[in-house]
Amino acid sequence: MELKKESVIKIKSFQFAVRSVKVYKYLTDNHKEFVISKQFLKASTSIGANVREAHNAESEADFIHKLSIAQKECDETLYWLELLKESEYLSESAFQSIYSEALEILKILKSIVITMKKKKEK
């Protein structure tokens, strides 16, 4: 179950969680926005938590399941970021920066899940 991409995703998802906490602090401190930002915080930090759980999976199926949850949380994170931008809580440049990072993580997660599913079928 060990892929080289896993260590990359573990690092990237943790760094993204740290960045997300900082964005959350910015939104609550500077904009007094607590509802959408809390949803964003939960989804964005859940990505790395599920990646971490996947590394301790009991089986290949469990591994795939945990990374699939991380993938869903990442997609939900994109939704909250889009909403924060459209409701003018995030500037275009701040949005583009963190959104592109989330998209990169989503692509990596999708790639790992697809690879593992194909491997499991063989």
PDB file of N, CA and C in Angstrom:
ATOM      1  N   MET A   1       0.814  -1.212   0.000  1.00  0.00           N
ATOM      2  CA  MET A   1       0.000   0.000   0.000  1.00  0.00           C
ATOM      3  C   MET A   1       0.851   1.267   0.000  1.00  0.00           C
ATOM      4  N   GLU A   2       2.127   1.134   0.031  1.00  0.00           N
ATOM      5  CA  GLU A   2       2.993   2.303   0.120  1.00  0.00           C
ATOM      6  C   GLU A   2       3.342   2.838  -1.261  1.00  0.00           C
ATOM      7  N   LEU A   3       2.914   4.045  -1.538  1.00  0.00           N
ATOM      8  CA  LEU A   3       3.257   4.720  -2.789  1.00  0.00           C
ATOM      9  C   LEU A   3       4.089   5.950  -2.455  1.00  0.00           C
ATOM     10  N   LYS A   4       4.953   6.318  -3.362  1.00  0.00           N
ATOM     11  CA  LYS A   4       5.762   7.515  -3.139  1.00  0.00           C
ATOM     12  C   LYS A   4       4.876   8.754  -2.982  1.00  0.00           C
ATOM     13  N   LYS A   5       3.782   8.816  -3.748  1.00  0.00           N
ATOM     14  CA  LYS A   5       2.879   9.957  -3.685  1.00  0.00           C
ATOM     15  C   LYS A   5       2.251  10.121  -2.301  1.00  0.00           C
ATOM     16  N   GLU A   6       2.159   9.016  -1.552  1.00  0.00           N
ATOM     17  CA  GLU A   6       1.547   9.093  -0.233  1.00  0.00           C
ATOM     18  C   GLU A   6       2.309  10.034   0.688  1.00  0.00           C
ATOM     19  N   SER A   7       3.633   9.951   0.680  1.00  0.00           N
ATOM     20  CA  SER A   7       4.392  10.836   1.549  1.00  0.00           C
ATOM     21  C   SER A   7       4.227  12.284   1.101  1.00  0.00           C
ATOM     22  N   VAL A   8       4.151  12.491  -0.185  1.00  0.00           N
ATOM     23  CA  VAL A   8       3.923  13.838  -0.709  1.00  0.00           C
ATOM     24  C   VAL A   8       2.559  14.349  -0.258  1.00  0.00           C
ATOM     25  N   ILE A   9       1.540  13.501  -0.364  1.00  0.00           N
ATOM     26  CA  ILE A   9       0.192  13.933   0.025  1.00  0.00           C
ATOM     27  C   ILE A   9       0.104  14.152   1.530  1.00  0.00           C
ATOM     28  N   LYS A  10       0.827  13.375   2.283  1.00  0.00           N
ATOM     29  CA  LYS A  10       0.833  13.543   3.745  1.00  0.00           C
ATOM     30  C   LYS A  10       1.408  14.917   4.112  1.00  0.00           C
ATOM     31  N   ILE A  11       2.501  15.265   3.483  1.00  0.00           N
ATOM     32  CA  ILE A  11       3.142  16.561   3.739  1.00  0.00           C
ATOM     33  C   ILE A  11       2.256  17.707   3.243  1.00  0.00           C
ATOM     34  N   LYS A  12       1.802  17.603   2.004  1.00  0.00           N
ATOM     35  CA  LYS A  12       1.005  18.682   1.409  1.00  0.00           C
ATOM     36  C   LYS A  12      -0.316  18.897   2.157  1.00  0.00           C
ATOM     37  N   SER A  13      -0.967  17.814   2.563  1.00  0.00           N
ATOM     38  CA  SER A  13      -2.254  17.962   3.253  1.00  0.00           C
ATOM     39  C   SER A  13      -2.055  18.575   4.640  1.00  0.00           C
ATOM     40  N   PHE A  14      -0.934  18.255   5.289  1.00  0.00           N
ATOM     41  CA  PHE A  14      -0.661  18.871   6.595  1.00  0.00           C
ATOM     42  C   PHE A  14      -0.357  20.359   6.437  1.00  0.00           C
ATOM     43  N   GLN A  15       0.481  20.686   5.463  1.00  0.00           N
ATOM     44  CA  GLN A  15       0.803  22.099   5.214  1.00  0.00           C
ATOM     45  C   GLN A  15      -0.461  22.885   4.852  1.00  0.00           C
ATOM     46  N   PHE A  16      -1.341  22.245   4.091  1.00  0.00           N
ATOM     47  CA  PHE A  16      -2.599  22.891   3.714  1.00  0.00           C
ATOM     48  C   PHE A  16      -3.479  23.116   4.942  1.00  0.00           C
ATOM     49  N   ALA A  17      -3.490  22.163   5.856  1.00  0.00           N
ATOM     50  CA  ALA A  17      -4.271  22.314   7.091  1.00  0.00           C
ATOM     51  C   ALA A  17      -3.755  23.497   7.907  1.00  0.00           C
ATOM     52  N   VAL A  18      -2.443  23.627   8.005  1.00  0.00           N
ATOM     53  CA  VAL A  18      -1.849  24.755   8.737  1.00  0.00           C
ATOM     54  C   VAL A  18      -2.254  26.072   8.076  1.00  0.00           C
ATOM     55  N   ARG A  19      -2.157  26.111   6.769  1.00  0.00           N
ATOM     56  CA  ARG A  19      -2.546  27.319   6.027  1.00  0.00           C
ATOM     57  C   ARG A  19      -4.037  27.620   6.233  1.00  0.00           C
ATOM     58  N   SER A  20      -4.851  26.591   6.243  1.00  0.00           N
ATOM     59  CA  SER A  20      -6.293  26.758   6.432  1.00  0.00           C
ATOM     60  C   SER A  20      -6.617  27.340   7.807  1.00  0.00           C
ATOM     61  N   VAL A  21      -5.887  26.900   8.816  1.00  0.00           N
ATOM     62  CA  VAL A  21      -6.087  27.446  10.167  1.00  0.00           C
ATOM     63  C   VAL A  21      -5.777  28.942  10.159  1.00  0.00           C
ATOM     64  N   LYS A  22      -4.726  29.319   9.449  1.00  0.00           N
ATOM     65  CA  LYS A  22      -4.360  30.744   9.365  1.00  0.00           C
ATOM     66  C   LYS A  22      -5.424  31.549   8.618  1.00  0.00           C
ATOM     67  N   VAL A  23      -5.981  30.978   7.561  1.00  0.00           N
ATOM     68  CA  VAL A  23      -7.059  31.651   6.822  1.00  0.00           C
ATOM     69  C   VAL A  23      -8.280  31.794   7.735  1.00  0.00           C
ATOM     70  N   TYR A  24      -8.587  30.750   8.473  1.00  0.00           N
ATOM     71  CA  TYR A  24      -9.707  30.799   9.415  1.00  0.00           C
ATOM     72  C   TYR A  24      -9.505  31.917  10.439  1.00  0.00           C
ATOM     73  N   LYS A  25      -8.298  32.010  11.000  1.00  0.00           N
ATOM     74  CA  LYS A  25      -8.004  33.068  11.975  1.00  0.00           C
ATOM     75  C   LYS A  25      -8.170  34.449  11.340  1.00  0.00           C
ATOM     76  N   TYR A  26      -7.702  34.591  10.108  1.00  0.00           N
ATOM     77  CA  TYR A  26      -7.849  35.855   9.382  1.00  0.00           C
ATOM     78  C   TYR A  26      -9.335  36.206   9.211  1.00  0.00           C
ATOM     79  N   LEU A  27     -10.120  35.234   8.790  1.00  0.00           N
ATOM     80  CA  LEU A  27     -11.551  35.476   8.541  1.00  0.00           C
ATOM     81  C   LEU A  27     -12.297  35.835   9.821  1.00  0.00           C
ATOM     82  N   THR A  28     -11.982  35.151  10.893  1.00  0.00           N
ATOM     83  CA  THR A  28     -12.689  35.439  12.150  1.00  0.00           C
ATOM     84  C   THR A  28     -12.189  36.730  12.800  1.00  0.00           C
ATOM     85  N   ASP A  29     -10.891  36.975  12.745  1.00  0.00           N
ATOM     86  CA  ASP A  29     -10.336  38.184  13.371  1.00  0.00           C
ATOM     87  C   ASP A  29     -10.643  39.446  12.565  1.00  0.00           C
ATOM     88  N   ASN A  30     -10.450  39.395  11.258  1.00  0.00           N
ATOM     89  CA  ASN A  30     -10.564  40.599  10.424  1.00  0.00           C
ATOM     90  C   ASN A  30     -11.954  40.842   9.867  1.00  0.00           C
ATOM     91  N   HIS A  31     -12.696  39.775   9.610  1.00  0.00           N
ATOM     92  CA  HIS A  31     -14.019  39.924   8.995  1.00  0.00           C
ATOM     93  C   HIS A  31     -15.167  39.525   9.919  1.00  0.00           C
ATOM     94  N   LYS A  32     -14.822  38.986  11.071  1.00  0.00           N
ATOM     95  CA  LYS A  32     -15.847  38.505  12.020  1.00  0.00           C
ATOM     96  C   LYS A  32     -16.805  37.532  11.328  1.00  0.00           C
ATOM     97  N   GLU A  33     -16.241  36.714  10.453  1.00  0.00           N
ATOM     98  CA  GLU A  33     -17.029  35.706   9.732  1.00  0.00           C
ATOM     99  C   GLU A  33     -16.779  34.369  10.423  1.00  0.00           C
ATOM    100  N   PHE A  34     -17.855  33.781  10.982  1.00  0.00           N
ATOM    101  CA  PHE A  34     -17.689  32.582  11.795  1.00  0.00           C
ATOM    102  C   PHE A  34     -18.368  31.337  11.233  1.00  0.00           C
ATOM    103  N   VAL A  35     -19.348  31.491  10.381  1.00  0.00           N
ATOM    104  CA  VAL A  35     -20.133  30.347   9.927  1.00  0.00           C
ATOM    105  C   VAL A  35     -19.461  29.634   8.751  1.00  0.00           C
ATOM    106  N   ILE A  36     -19.283  30.337   7.643  1.00  0.00           N
ATOM    107  CA  ILE A  36     -18.665  29.732   6.463  1.00  0.00           C
ATOM    108  C   ILE A  36     -17.221  29.335   6.770  1.00  0.00           C
ATOM    109  N   SER A  37     -16.531  30.197   7.488  1.00  0.00           N
ATOM    110  CA  SER A  37     -15.129  29.914   7.792  1.00  0.00           C
ATOM    111  C   SER A  37     -14.978  28.662   8.652  1.00  0.00           C
ATOM    112  N   LYS A  38     -15.923  28.405   9.534  1.00  0.00           N
ATOM    113  CA  LYS A  38     -15.875  27.193  10.366  1.00  0.00           C
ATOM    114  C   LYS A  38     -16.082  25.948   9.502  1.00  0.00           C
ATOM    115  N   GLN A  39     -17.006  26.033   8.551  1.00  0.00           N
ATOM    116  CA  GLN A  39     -17.235  24.917   7.629  1.00  0.00           C
ATOM    117  C   GLN A  39     -15.972  24.656   6.810  1.00  0.00           C
ATOM    118  N   PHE A  40     -15.362  25.734   6.331  1.00  0.00           N
ATOM    119  CA  PHE A  40     -14.111  25.630   5.581  1.00  0.00           C
ATOM    120  C   PHE A  40     -13.024  24.981   6.434  1.00  0.00           C
ATOM    121  N   LEU A  41     -12.903  25.418   7.681  1.00  0.00           N
ATOM    122  CA  LEU A  41     -11.879  24.879   8.576  1.00  0.00           C
ATOM    123  C   LEU A  41     -12.063  23.384   8.804  1.00  0.00           C
ATOM    124  N   LYS A  42     -13.296  22.971   9.048  1.00  0.00           N
ATOM    125  CA  LYS A  42     -13.569  21.546   9.293  1.00  0.00           C
ATOM    126  C   LYS A  42     -13.212  20.694   8.085  1.00  0.00           C
ATOM    127  N   ALA A  43     -13.653  21.112   6.907  1.00  0.00           N
ATOM    128  CA  ALA A  43     -13.390  20.335   5.695  1.00  0.00           C
ATOM    129  C   ALA A  43     -11.905  20.325   5.355  1.00  0.00           C
ATOM    130  N   SER A  44     -11.264  21.480   5.427  1.00  0.00           N
ATOM    131  CA  SER A  44      -9.865  21.587   4.994  1.00  0.00           C
ATOM    132  C   SER A  44      -8.903  20.845   5.918  1.00  0.00           C
ATOM    133  N   THR A  45      -9.176  20.832   7.208  1.00  0.00           N
ATOM    134  CA  THR A  45      -8.295  20.103   8.118  1.00  0.00           C
ATOM    135  C   THR A  45      -8.600  18.611   8.122  1.00  0.00           C
ATOM    136  N   SER A  46      -9.793  18.255   7.705  1.00  0.00           N
ATOM    137  CA  SER A  46     -10.174  16.848   7.623  1.00  0.00           C
ATOM    138  C   SER A  46      -9.416  16.107   6.523  1.00  0.00           C
ATOM    139  N   ILE A  47      -8.976  16.832   5.509  1.00  0.00           N
ATOM    140  CA  ILE A  47      -8.221  16.207   4.412  1.00  0.00           C
ATOM    141  C   ILE A  47      -6.990  15.498   4.977  1.00  0.00           C
ATOM    142  N   GLY A  48      -6.175  16.240   5.679  1.00  0.00           N
ATOM    143  CA  GLY A  48      -4.945  15.681   6.244  1.00  0.00           C
ATOM    144  C   GLY A  48      -5.199  14.623   7.296  1.00  0.00           C
ATOM    145  N   ALA A  49      -6.255  14.805   8.075  1.00  0.00           N
ATOM    146  CA  ALA A  49      -6.592  13.813   9.100  1.00  0.00           C
ATOM    147  C   ALA A  49      -6.931  12.469   8.452  1.00  0.00           C
ATOM    148  N   ASN A  50      -7.674  12.510   7.349  1.00  0.00           N
ATOM    149  CA  ASN A  50      -8.027  11.272   6.648  1.00  0.00           C
ATOM    150  C   ASN A  50      -6.832  10.661   5.925  1.00  0.00           C
ATOM    151  N   VAL A  51      -5.948  11.501   5.417  1.00  0.00           N
ATOM    152  CA  VAL A  51      -4.716  10.991   4.813  1.00  0.00           C
ATOM    153  C   VAL A  51      -3.895  10.275   5.885  1.00  0.00           C
ATOM    154  N   ARG A  52      -3.815  10.862   7.057  1.00  0.00           N
ATOM    155  CA  ARG A  52      -3.074  10.253   8.158  1.00  0.00           C
ATOM    156  C   ARG A  52      -3.699   8.918   8.556  1.00  0.00           C
ATOM    157  N   GLU A  53      -5.028   8.887   8.614  1.00  0.00           N
ATOM    158  CA  GLU A  53      -5.727   7.633   8.917  1.00  0.00           C
ATOM    159  C   GLU A  53      -5.445   6.582   7.849  1.00  0.00           C
ATOM    160  N   ALA A  54      -5.386   6.987   6.603  1.00  0.00           N
ATOM    161  CA  ALA A  54      -5.125   6.047   5.508  1.00  0.00           C
ATOM    162  C   ALA A  54      -3.760   5.380   5.675  1.00  0.00           C
ATOM    163  N   HIS A  55      -2.808   6.108   6.205  1.00  0.00           N
ATOM    164  CA  HIS A  55      -1.477   5.542   6.397  1.00  0.00           C
ATOM    165  C   HIS A  55      -1.472   4.454   7.470  1.00  0.00           C
ATOM    166  N   ASN A  56      -2.520   4.410   8.272  1.00  0.00           N
ATOM    167  CA  ASN A  56      -2.651   3.379   9.296  1.00  0.00           C
ATOM    168  C   ASN A  56      -3.788   2.422   8.964  1.00  0.00           C
ATOM    169  N   ALA A  57      -4.118   2.340   7.707  1.00  0.00           N
ATOM    170  CA  ALA A  57      -5.233   1.502   7.265  1.00  0.00           C
ATOM    171  C   ALA A  57      -4.980   0.034   7.584  1.00  0.00           C
ATOM    172  N   GLU A  58      -6.074  -0.671   7.819  1.00  0.00           N
ATOM    173  CA  GLU A  58      -5.997  -2.094   8.148  1.00  0.00           C
ATOM    174  C   GLU A  58      -5.983  -2.974   6.908  1.00  0.00           C
ATOM    175  N   SER A  59      -6.361  -2.400   5.775  1.00  0.00           N
ATOM    176  CA  SER A  59      -6.398  -3.158   4.527  1.00  0.00           C
ATOM    177  C   SER A  59      -6.327  -2.175   3.360  1.00  0.00           C
ATOM    178  N   GLU A  60      -6.169  -2.729   2.145  1.00  0.00           N
ATOM    179  CA  GLU A  60      -6.186  -1.872   0.961  1.00  0.00           C
ATOM    180  C   GLU A  60      -7.536  -1.194   0.802  1.00  0.00           C
ATOM    181  N   ALA A  61      -8.606  -1.920   1.100  1.00  0.00           N
ATOM    182  CA  ALA A  61      -9.957  -1.343   0.996  1.00  0.00           C
ATOM    183  C   ALA A  61     -10.124  -0.185   1.970  1.00  0.00           C
ATOM    184  N   ASP A  62      -9.616  -0.343   3.179  1.00  0.00           N
ATOM    185  CA  ASP A  62      -9.687   0.720   4.196  1.00  0.00           C
ATOM    186  C   ASP A  62      -8.856   1.918   3.742  1.00  0.00           C
ATOM    187  N   PHE A  63      -7.677   1.644   3.180  1.00  0.00           N
ATOM    188  CA  PHE A  63      -6.794   2.689   2.668  1.00  0.00           C
ATOM    189  C   PHE A  63      -7.512   3.514   1.590  1.00  0.00           C
ATOM    190  N   ILE A  64      -8.106   2.823   0.632  1.00  0.00           N
ATOM    191  CA  ILE A  64      -8.834   3.485  -0.451  1.00  0.00           C
ATOM    192  C   ILE A  64     -10.009   4.284   0.105  1.00  0.00           C
ATOM    193  N   HIS A  65     -10.716   3.697   1.060  1.00  0.00           N
ATOM    194  CA  HIS A  65     -11.874   4.372   1.665  1.00  0.00           C
ATOM    195  C   HIS A  65     -11.458   5.675   2.347  1.00  0.00           C
ATOM    196  N   LYS A  66     -10.400   5.636   3.133  1.00  0.00           N
ATOM    197  CA  LYS A  66      -9.941   6.839   3.854  1.00  0.00           C
ATOM    198  C   LYS A  66      -9.492   7.924   2.880  1.00  0.00           C
ATOM    199  N   LEU A  67      -8.770   7.530   1.831  1.00  0.00           N
ATOM    200  CA  LEU A  67      -8.335   8.529   0.856  1.00  0.00           C
ATOM    201  C   LEU A  67      -9.510   9.059   0.042  1.00  0.00           C
ATOM    202  N   SER A  68     -10.523   8.238  -0.164  1.00  0.00           N
ATOM    203  CA  SER A  68     -11.734   8.705  -0.851  1.00  0.00           C
ATOM    204  C   SER A  68     -12.464   9.743  -0.011  1.00  0.00           C
ATOM    205  N   ILE A  69     -12.472   9.547   1.296  1.00  0.00           N
ATOM    206  CA  ILE A  69     -13.076  10.545   2.196  1.00  0.00           C
ATOM    207  C   ILE A  69     -12.267  11.836   2.130  1.00  0.00           C
ATOM    208  N   ALA A  70     -10.937  11.720   2.143  1.00  0.00           N
ATOM    209  CA  ALA A  70     -10.081  12.906   2.029  1.00  0.00           C
ATOM    210  C   ALA A  70     -10.374  13.651   0.728  1.00  0.00           C
ATOM    211  N   GLN A  71     -10.589  12.895  -0.335  1.00  0.00           N
ATOM    212  CA  GLN A  71     -10.911  13.484  -1.641  1.00  0.00           C
ATOM    213  C   GLN A  71     -12.232  14.260  -1.564  1.00  0.00           C
ATOM    214  N   LYS A  72     -13.231  13.696  -0.927  1.00  0.00           N
ATOM    215  CA  LYS A  72     -14.527  14.374  -0.781  1.00  0.00           C
ATOM    216  C   LYS A  72     -14.392  15.636   0.060  1.00  0.00           C
ATOM    217  N   GLU A  73     -13.605  15.548   1.129  1.00  0.00           N
ATOM    218  CA  GLU A  73     -13.389  16.717   1.987  1.00  0.00           C
ATOM    219  C   GLU A  73     -12.658  17.818   1.225  1.00  0.00           C
ATOM    220  N   CYS A  74     -11.760  17.425   0.355  1.00  0.00           N
ATOM    221  CA  CYS A  74     -11.030  18.397  -0.456  1.00  0.00           C
ATOM    222  C   CYS A  74     -11.972  19.106  -1.425  1.00  0.00           C
ATOM    223  N   ASP A  75     -12.858  18.345  -2.027  1.00  0.00           N
ATOM    224  CA  ASP A  75     -13.836  18.946  -2.935  1.00  0.00           C
ATOM    225  C   ASP A  75     -14.773  19.889  -2.172  1.00  0.00           C
ATOM    226  N   GLU A  76     -15.165  19.492  -0.964  1.00  0.00           N
ATOM    227  CA  GLU A  76     -16.002  20.371  -0.138  1.00  0.00           C
ATOM    228  C   GLU A  76     -15.243  21.648   0.217  1.00  0.00           C
ATOM    229  N   THR A  77     -13.959  21.520   0.479  1.00  0.00           N
ATOM    230  CA  THR A  77     -13.122  22.689   0.774  1.00  0.00           C
ATOM    231  C   THR A  77     -13.144  23.670  -0.390  1.00  0.00           C
ATOM    232  N   LEU A  78     -13.066  23.145  -1.609  1.00  0.00           N
ATOM    233  CA  LEU A  78     -13.128  24.009  -2.797  1.00  0.00           C
ATOM    234  C   LEU A  78     -14.444  24.783  -2.824  1.00  0.00           C
ATOM    235  N   TYR A  79     -15.530  24.110  -2.469  1.00  0.00           N
ATOM    236  CA  TYR A  79     -16.843  24.773  -2.428  1.00  0.00           C
ATOM    237  C   TYR A  79     -16.824  25.948  -1.446  1.00  0.00           C
ATOM    238  N   TRP A  80     -16.331  25.712  -0.229  1.00  0.00           N
ATOM    239  CA  TRP A  80     -16.321  26.788   0.774  1.00  0.00           C
ATOM    240  C   TRP A  80     -15.416  27.930   0.342  1.00  0.00           C
ATOM    241  N   LEU A  81     -14.304  27.612  -0.305  1.00  0.00           N
ATOM    242  CA  LEU A  81     -13.424  28.674  -0.805  1.00  0.00           C
ATOM    243  C   LEU A  81     -14.121  29.506  -1.876  1.00  0.00           C
ATOM    244  N   GLU A  82     -14.833  28.828  -2.788  1.00  0.00           N
ATOM    245  CA  GLU A  82     -15.584  29.551  -3.820  1.00  0.00           C
ATOM    246  C   GLU A  82     -16.625  30.465  -3.184  1.00  0.00           C
ATOM    247  N   LEU A  83     -17.308  29.985  -2.175  1.00  0.00           N
ATOM    248  CA  LEU A  83     -18.320  30.780  -1.481  1.00  0.00           C
ATOM    249  C   LEU A  83     -17.692  31.972  -0.761  1.00  0.00           C
ATOM    250  N   LEU A  84     -16.553  31.755  -0.123  1.00  0.00           N
ATOM    251  CA  LEU A  84     -15.857  32.856   0.563  1.00  0.00           C
ATOM    252  C   LEU A  84     -15.409  33.929  -0.426  1.00  0.00           C
ATOM    253  N   LYS A  85     -14.983  33.501  -1.602  1.00  0.00           N
ATOM    254  CA  LYS A  85     -14.571  34.480  -2.621  1.00  0.00           C
ATOM    255  C   LYS A  85     -15.778  35.246  -3.159  1.00  0.00           C
ATOM    256  N   GLU A  86     -16.806  34.515  -3.525  1.00  0.00           N
ATOM    257  CA  GLU A  86     -17.995  35.160  -4.111  1.00  0.00           C
ATOM    258  C   GLU A  86     -18.724  36.073  -3.122  1.00  0.00           C
ATOM    259  N   SER A  87     -18.605  35.784  -1.843  1.00  0.00           N
ATOM    260  CA  SER A  87     -19.231  36.650  -0.840  1.00  0.00           C
ATOM    261  C   SER A  87     -18.259  37.720  -0.343  1.00  0.00           C
ATOM    262  N   GLU A  88     -17.120  37.823  -1.030  1.00  0.00           N
ATOM    263  CA  GLU A  88     -16.125  38.882  -0.844  1.00  0.00           C
ATOM    264  C   GLU A  88     -15.426  38.860   0.512  1.00  0.00           C
ATOM    265  N   TYR A  89     -15.267  37.671   1.076  1.00  0.00           N
ATOM    266  CA  TYR A  89     -14.468  37.527   2.287  1.00  0.00           C
ATOM    267  C   TYR A  89     -13.005  37.253   1.949  1.00  0.00           C
ATOM    268  N   LEU A  90     -12.763  36.720   0.747  1.00  0.00           N
ATOM    269  CA  LEU A  90     -11.394  36.489   0.282  1.00  0.00           C
ATOM    270  C   LEU A  90     -11.155  37.297  -0.988  1.00  0.00           C
ATOM    271  N   SER A  91     -10.001  37.922  -1.058  1.00  0.00           N
ATOM    272  CA  SER A  91      -9.629  38.644  -2.273  1.00  0.00           C
ATOM    273  C   SER A  91      -9.361  37.634  -3.385  1.00  0.00           C
ATOM    274  N   GLU A  92      -9.364  38.098  -4.601  1.00  0.00           N
ATOM    275  CA  GLU A  92      -9.094  37.234  -5.749  1.00  0.00           C
ATOM    276  C   GLU A  92      -7.724  36.577  -5.625  1.00  0.00           C
ATOM    277  N   SER A  93      -6.711  37.346  -5.243  1.00  0.00           N
ATOM    278  CA  SER A  93      -5.356  36.788  -5.150  1.00  0.00           C
ATOM    279  C   SER A  93      -5.240  35.770  -4.022  1.00  0.00           C
ATOM    280  N   ALA A  94      -5.841  36.052  -2.875  1.00  0.00           N
ATOM    281  CA  ALA A  94      -5.816  35.093  -1.758  1.00  0.00           C
ATOM    282  C   ALA A  94      -6.561  33.823  -2.151  1.00  0.00           C
ATOM    283  N   PHE A  95      -7.701  33.996  -2.803  1.00  0.00           N
ATOM    284  CA  PHE A  95      -8.489  32.858  -3.257  1.00  0.00           C
ATOM    285  C   PHE A  95      -7.695  31.995  -4.226  1.00  0.00           C
ATOM    286  N   GLN A  96      -7.108  32.609  -5.262  1.00  0.00           N
ATOM    287  CA  GLN A  96      -6.378  31.859  -6.280  1.00  0.00           C
ATOM    288  C   GLN A  96      -5.230  31.061  -5.674  1.00  0.00           C
ATOM    289  N   SER A  97      -4.546  31.652  -4.736  1.00  0.00           N
ATOM    290  CA  SER A  97      -3.400  31.008  -4.112  1.00  0.00           C
ATOM    291  C   SER A  97      -3.793  29.733  -3.367  1.00  0.00           C
ATOM    292  N   ILE A  98      -4.766  29.830  -2.487  1.00  0.00           N
ATOM    293  CA  ILE A  98      -5.158  28.664  -1.687  1.00  0.00           C
ATOM    294  C   ILE A  98      -6.003  27.683  -2.505  1.00  0.00           C
ATOM    295  N   TYR A  99      -6.779  28.189  -3.445  1.00  0.00           N
ATOM    296  CA  TYR A  99      -7.617  27.331  -4.289  1.00  0.00           C
ATOM    297  C   TYR A  99      -6.735  26.429  -5.163  1.00  0.00           C
ATOM    298  N   SER A 100      -5.677  26.994  -5.729  1.00  0.00           N
ATOM    299  CA  SER A 100      -4.794  26.192  -6.575  1.00  0.00           C
ATOM    300  C   SER A 100      -4.086  25.117  -5.756  1.00  0.00           C
ATOM    301  N   GLU A 101      -3.766  25.428  -4.525  1.00  0.00           N
ATOM    302  CA  GLU A 101      -3.151  24.441  -3.634  1.00  0.00           C
ATOM    303  C   GLU A 101      -4.130  23.294  -3.341  1.00  0.00           C
ATOM    304  N   ALA A 102      -5.380  23.637  -3.087  1.00  0.00           N
ATOM    305  CA  ALA A 102      -6.406  22.621  -2.831  1.00  0.00           C
ATOM    306  C   ALA A 102      -6.645  21.767  -4.071  1.00  0.00           C
ATOM    307  N   LEU A 103      -6.660  22.390  -5.243  1.00  0.00           N
ATOM    308  CA  LEU A 103      -6.831  21.638  -6.490  1.00  0.00           C
ATOM    309  C   LEU A 103      -5.684  20.645  -6.713  1.00  0.00           C
ATOM    310  N   GLU A 104      -4.485  21.063  -6.395  1.00  0.00           N
ATOM    311  CA  GLU A 104      -3.328  20.184  -6.531  1.00  0.00           C
ATOM    312  C   GLU A 104      -3.480  18.964  -5.615  1.00  0.00           C
ATOM    313  N   ILE A 105      -3.903  19.195  -4.394  1.00  0.00           N
ATOM    314  CA  ILE A 105      -4.113  18.098  -3.442  1.00  0.00           C
ATOM    315  C   ILE A 105      -5.209  17.170  -3.952  1.00  0.00           C
ATOM    316  N   LEU A 106      -6.280  17.738  -4.476  1.00  0.00           N
ATOM    317  CA  LEU A 106      -7.372  16.925  -5.010  1.00  0.00           C
ATOM    318  C   LEU A 106      -6.885  16.031  -6.151  1.00  0.00           C
ATOM    319  N   LYS A 107      -6.077  16.583  -7.040  1.00  0.00           N
ATOM    320  CA  LYS A 107      -5.544  15.804  -8.166  1.00  0.00           C
ATOM    321  C   LYS A 107      -4.661  14.659  -7.680  1.00  0.00           C
ATOM    322  N   ILE A 108      -3.843  14.916  -6.681  1.00  0.00           N
ATOM    323  CA  ILE A 108      -2.977  13.871  -6.126  1.00  0.00           C
ATOM    324  C   ILE A 108      -3.829  12.770  -5.492  1.00  0.00           C
ATOM    325  N   LEU A 109      -4.823  13.170  -4.709  1.00  0.00           N
ATOM    326  CA  LEU A 109      -5.700  12.187  -4.070  1.00  0.00           C
ATOM    327  C   LEU A 109      -6.421  11.328  -5.102  1.00  0.00           C
ATOM    328  N   LYS A 110      -6.961  11.969  -6.129  1.00  0.00           N
ATOM    329  CA  LYS A 110      -7.654  11.221  -7.187  1.00  0.00           C
ATOM    330  C   LYS A 110      -6.720  10.229  -7.849  1.00  0.00           C
ATOM    331  N   SER A 111      -5.508  10.656  -8.120  1.00  0.00           N
ATOM    332  CA  SER A 111      -4.520   9.793  -8.763  1.00  0.00           C
ATOM    333  C   SER A 111      -4.204   8.573  -7.900  1.00  0.00           C
ATOM    334  N   ILE A 112      -3.993   8.789  -6.611  1.00  0.00           N
ATOM    335  CA  ILE A 112      -3.688   7.671  -5.708  1.00  0.00           C
ATOM    336  C   ILE A 112      -4.870   6.709  -5.635  1.00  0.00           C
ATOM    337  N   VAL A 113      -6.077   7.243  -5.485  1.00  0.00           N
ATOM    338  CA  VAL A 113      -7.271   6.391  -5.382  1.00  0.00           C
ATOM    339  C   VAL A 113      -7.454   5.566  -6.658  1.00  0.00           C
ATOM    340  N   ILE A 114      -7.322   6.198  -7.801  1.00  0.00           N
ATOM    341  CA  ILE A 114      -7.473   5.479  -9.081  1.00  0.00           C
ATOM    342  C   ILE A 114      -6.411   4.391  -9.201  1.00  0.00           C
ATOM    343  N   THR A 115      -5.167   4.724  -8.883  1.00  0.00           N
ATOM    344  CA  THR A 115      -4.073   3.760  -8.958  1.00  0.00           C
ATOM    345  C   THR A 115      -4.334   2.560  -8.032  1.00  0.00           C
ATOM    346  N   MET A 116      -4.756   2.839  -6.813  1.00  0.00           N
ATOM    347  CA  MET A 116      -4.992   1.768  -5.854  1.00  0.00           C
ATOM    348  C   MET A 116      -6.186   0.891  -6.257  1.00  0.00           C
ATOM    349  N   LYS A 117      -7.217   1.501  -6.814  1.00  0.00           N
ATOM    350  CA  LYS A 117      -8.379   0.721  -7.270  1.00  0.00           C
ATOM    351  C   LYS A 117      -7.986  -0.195  -8.412  1.00  0.00           C
ATOM    352  N   LYS A 118      -7.160   0.312  -9.336  1.00  0.00           N
ATOM    353  CA  LYS A 118      -6.692  -0.520 -10.447  1.00  0.00           C
ATOM    354  C   LYS A 118      -5.827  -1.664  -9.950  1.00  0.00           C
ATOM    355  N   LYS A 119      -4.979  -1.360  -8.991  1.00  0.00           N
ATOM    356  CA  LYS A 119      -4.101  -2.375  -8.412  1.00  0.00           C
ATOM    357  C   LYS A 119      -4.931  -3.462  -7.720  1.00  0.00           C
ATOM    358  N   LYS A 120      -5.966  -3.038  -7.033  1.00  0.00           N
ATOM    359  CA  LYS A 120      -6.821  -3.973  -6.301  1.00  0.00           C
ATOM    360  C   LYS A 120      -7.582  -4.905  -7.246  1.00  0.00           C
ATOM    361  N   GLU A 121      -7.939  -4.392  -8.426  1.00  0.00           N
ATOM    362  CA  GLU A 121      -8.693  -5.181  -9.418  1.00  0.00           C
ATOM    363  C   GLU A 121      -7.839  -6.302 -10.001  1.00  0.00           C
ATOM    364  N   LYS A 122      -6.534  -6.130 -10.035  1.00  0.00           N
ATOM    365  CA  LYS A 122      -5.640  -7.126 -10.655  1.00  0.00           C
ATOM    366  C   LYS A 122      -5.452  -8.351  -9.795  1.00  0.00           C
TER     367      LYS A 122
END
